[in-house]
Amino acid sequence: MNPERRREIARKGGASVPGEKRSFAKDRDLAASAGRKGGEASRGGGRSRNNRQG
């Protein structure tokens, strides 16, 4: 897919979701909490890469 077509599609991102359904856009604390929770779940919870076991 050419870069212009990709940009066109990217510009539409989220446009189909009505504003009242965009909870993270309205609530910064909720967004931060979700990001923190996702980071911990992905084992990214503040650990450096050098300290990983495995």
N, C-alpha and C. Protein backbone atom coordinates (compact mmCIF):
# COMPACT_ATOMS: atom_id res chain seq x y z
N MET A 1 0.85 -1.17 0.00
CA MET A 1 0.00 0.00 0.00
C MET A 1 0.90 1.24 0.00
N ASN A 2 0.58 2.21 -0.82
CA ASN A 2 1.45 3.38 -0.91
C ASN A 2 1.30 4.28 0.32
N PRO A 3 2.32 5.06 0.62
CA PRO A 3 2.32 5.89 1.83
C PRO A 3 1.16 6.88 1.90
N GLU A 4 0.75 7.44 0.79
CA GLU A 4 -0.35 8.40 0.80
C GLU A 4 -1.66 7.72 1.21
N ARG A 5 -1.89 6.53 0.71
CA ARG A 5 -3.10 5.77 1.06
C ARG A 5 -3.09 5.43 2.55
N ARG A 6 -1.92 5.06 3.08
CA ARG A 6 -1.80 4.74 4.50
C ARG A 6 -2.10 5.96 5.35
N ARG A 7 -1.60 7.12 4.95
CA ARG A 7 -1.87 8.36 5.69
C ARG A 7 -3.36 8.69 5.67
N GLU A 8 -3.99 8.48 4.53
CA GLU A 8 -5.41 8.74 4.38
C GLU A 8 -6.22 7.88 5.36
N ILE A 9 -5.86 6.61 5.44
CA ILE A 9 -6.55 5.70 6.36
C ILE A 9 -6.28 6.09 7.81
N ALA A 10 -5.04 6.44 8.12
CA ALA A 10 -4.67 6.81 9.49
C ALA A 10 -5.41 8.05 9.95
N ARG A 11 -5.64 8.98 9.05
CA ARG A 11 -6.35 10.21 9.41
C ARG A 11 -7.78 9.92 9.87
N LYS A 12 -8.34 8.83 9.41
CA LYS A 12 -9.72 8.48 9.76
C LYS A 12 -9.81 7.75 11.10
N GLY A 13 -8.69 7.43 11.69
CA GLY A 13 -8.68 6.64 12.92
C GLY A 13 -9.57 7.21 14.01
N GLY A 14 -10.51 6.42 14.50
CA GLY A 14 -11.39 6.84 15.58
C GLY A 14 -12.56 7.70 15.13
N ALA A 15 -12.62 8.07 13.87
CA ALA A 15 -13.68 8.97 13.42
C ALA A 15 -15.06 8.35 13.54
N SER A 16 -15.15 7.04 13.52
CA SER A 16 -16.45 6.40 13.60
C SER A 16 -16.95 6.28 15.03
N VAL A 17 -16.09 6.60 16.00
CA VAL A 17 -16.49 6.52 17.40
C VAL A 17 -16.99 7.89 17.85
N PRO A 18 -18.24 7.95 18.34
CA PRO A 18 -18.76 9.24 18.78
C PRO A 18 -18.02 9.77 20.01
N GLY A 19 -17.95 11.06 20.16
CA GLY A 19 -17.22 11.70 21.25
C GLY A 19 -17.59 11.19 22.63
N GLU A 20 -18.87 10.93 22.86
CA GLU A 20 -19.30 10.47 24.20
C GLU A 20 -18.80 9.06 24.52
N LYS A 21 -18.34 8.34 23.52
CA LYS A 21 -17.81 7.00 23.74
C LYS A 21 -16.30 6.99 23.95
N ARG A 22 -15.66 8.13 23.78
CA ARG A 22 -14.20 8.22 23.91
C ARG A 22 -13.83 8.57 25.34
N SER A 23 -13.89 7.60 26.23
CA SER A 23 -13.69 7.87 27.65
C SER A 23 -12.29 8.35 27.96
N PHE A 24 -11.28 7.87 27.26
CA PHE A 24 -9.92 8.29 27.57
C PHE A 24 -9.68 9.75 27.18
N ALA A 25 -10.36 10.22 26.16
CA ALA A 25 -10.21 11.61 25.74
C ALA A 25 -10.76 12.56 26.80
N LYS A 26 -11.74 12.09 27.57
CA LYS A 26 -12.37 12.93 28.59
C LYS A 26 -11.72 12.79 29.95
N ASP A 27 -11.16 11.65 30.25
CA ASP A 27 -10.69 11.37 31.60
C ASP A 27 -9.21 10.98 31.57
N ARG A 28 -8.36 11.95 31.83
CA ARG A 28 -6.91 11.74 31.77
C ARG A 28 -6.45 10.70 32.79
N ASP A 29 -7.03 10.72 33.99
CA ASP A 29 -6.65 9.75 35.03
C ASP A 29 -7.00 8.32 34.62
N LEU A 30 -8.14 8.16 33.98
CA LEU A 30 -8.55 6.84 33.50
C LEU A 30 -7.57 6.33 32.44
N ALA A 31 -7.15 7.21 31.55
CA ALA A 31 -6.20 6.84 30.51
C ALA A 31 -4.85 6.45 31.13
N ALA A 32 -4.40 7.23 32.10
CA ALA A 32 -3.12 6.94 32.75
C ALA A 32 -3.17 5.60 33.48
N SER A 33 -4.28 5.36 34.15
CA SER A 33 -4.46 4.11 34.88
C SER A 33 -4.44 2.91 33.92
N ALA A 34 -5.14 3.04 32.81
CA ALA A 34 -5.17 1.96 31.83
C ALA A 34 -3.79 1.72 31.23
N GLY A 35 -3.06 2.78 30.96
CA GLY A 35 -1.72 2.64 30.41
C GLY A 35 -0.78 1.95 31.39
N ARG A 36 -0.90 2.32 32.65
CA ARG A 36 -0.06 1.71 33.69
C ARG A 36 -0.39 0.22 33.80
N LYS A 37 -1.68 -0.09 33.83
CA LYS A 37 -2.12 -1.48 33.95
C LYS A 37 -1.64 -2.31 32.75
N GLY A 38 -1.74 -1.75 31.55
CA GLY A 38 -1.28 -2.46 30.35
C GLY A 38 0.22 -2.67 30.36
N GLY A 39 0.97 -1.68 30.84
CA GLY A 39 2.41 -1.81 30.92
C GLY A 39 2.83 -2.90 31.88
N GLU A 40 2.13 -2.99 33.01
CA GLU A 40 2.45 -4.03 33.98
C GLU A 40 2.10 -5.41 33.43
N ALA A 41 0.99 -5.50 32.74
CA ALA A 41 0.56 -6.78 32.19
C ALA A 41 1.52 -7.29 31.12
N SER A 42 2.17 -6.34 30.42
CA SER A 42 3.09 -6.74 29.37
C SER A 42 4.51 -6.91 29.89
N ARG A 43 4.66 -6.92 31.20
CA ARG A 43 5.95 -7.07 31.87
C ARG A 43 6.85 -5.87 31.64
N GLY A 44 6.25 -4.75 31.29
CA GLY A 44 7.02 -3.55 31.10
C GLY A 44 6.98 -2.64 32.31
N GLY A 45 6.40 -3.10 33.39
CA GLY A 45 6.12 -2.30 34.58
C GLY A 45 7.33 -1.67 35.24
N GLY A 46 8.11 -0.90 34.53
CA GLY A 46 9.20 -0.15 35.11
C GLY A 46 10.51 -0.91 35.22
N ARG A 47 10.56 -2.11 34.78
CA ARG A 47 11.79 -2.90 34.84
C ARG A 47 12.68 -2.56 33.67
N SER A 48 13.97 -2.56 33.92
CA SER A 48 14.88 -2.35 32.79
C SER A 48 15.09 -3.68 32.07
N ARG A 49 15.47 -3.60 30.83
CA ARG A 49 15.65 -4.82 30.03
C ARG A 49 16.79 -5.68 30.56
N ASN A 50 17.79 -5.08 31.20
CA ASN A 50 18.92 -5.83 31.70
C ASN A 50 18.59 -6.69 32.92
N ASN A 51 17.51 -6.36 33.60
CA ASN A 51 17.15 -7.10 34.81
C ASN A 51 16.16 -8.23 34.56
N ARG A 52 15.82 -8.47 33.31
CA ARG A 52 14.86 -9.53 32.99
C ARG A 52 15.46 -10.91 33.22
N GLN A 53 14.63 -11.78 33.70
CA GLN A 53 15.06 -13.18 33.86
C GLN A 53 14.39 -13.99 32.77
N GLY A 54 15.07 -15.02 32.32
CA GLY A 54 14.38 -15.85 31.35
C GLY A 54 15.19 -16.34 30.27
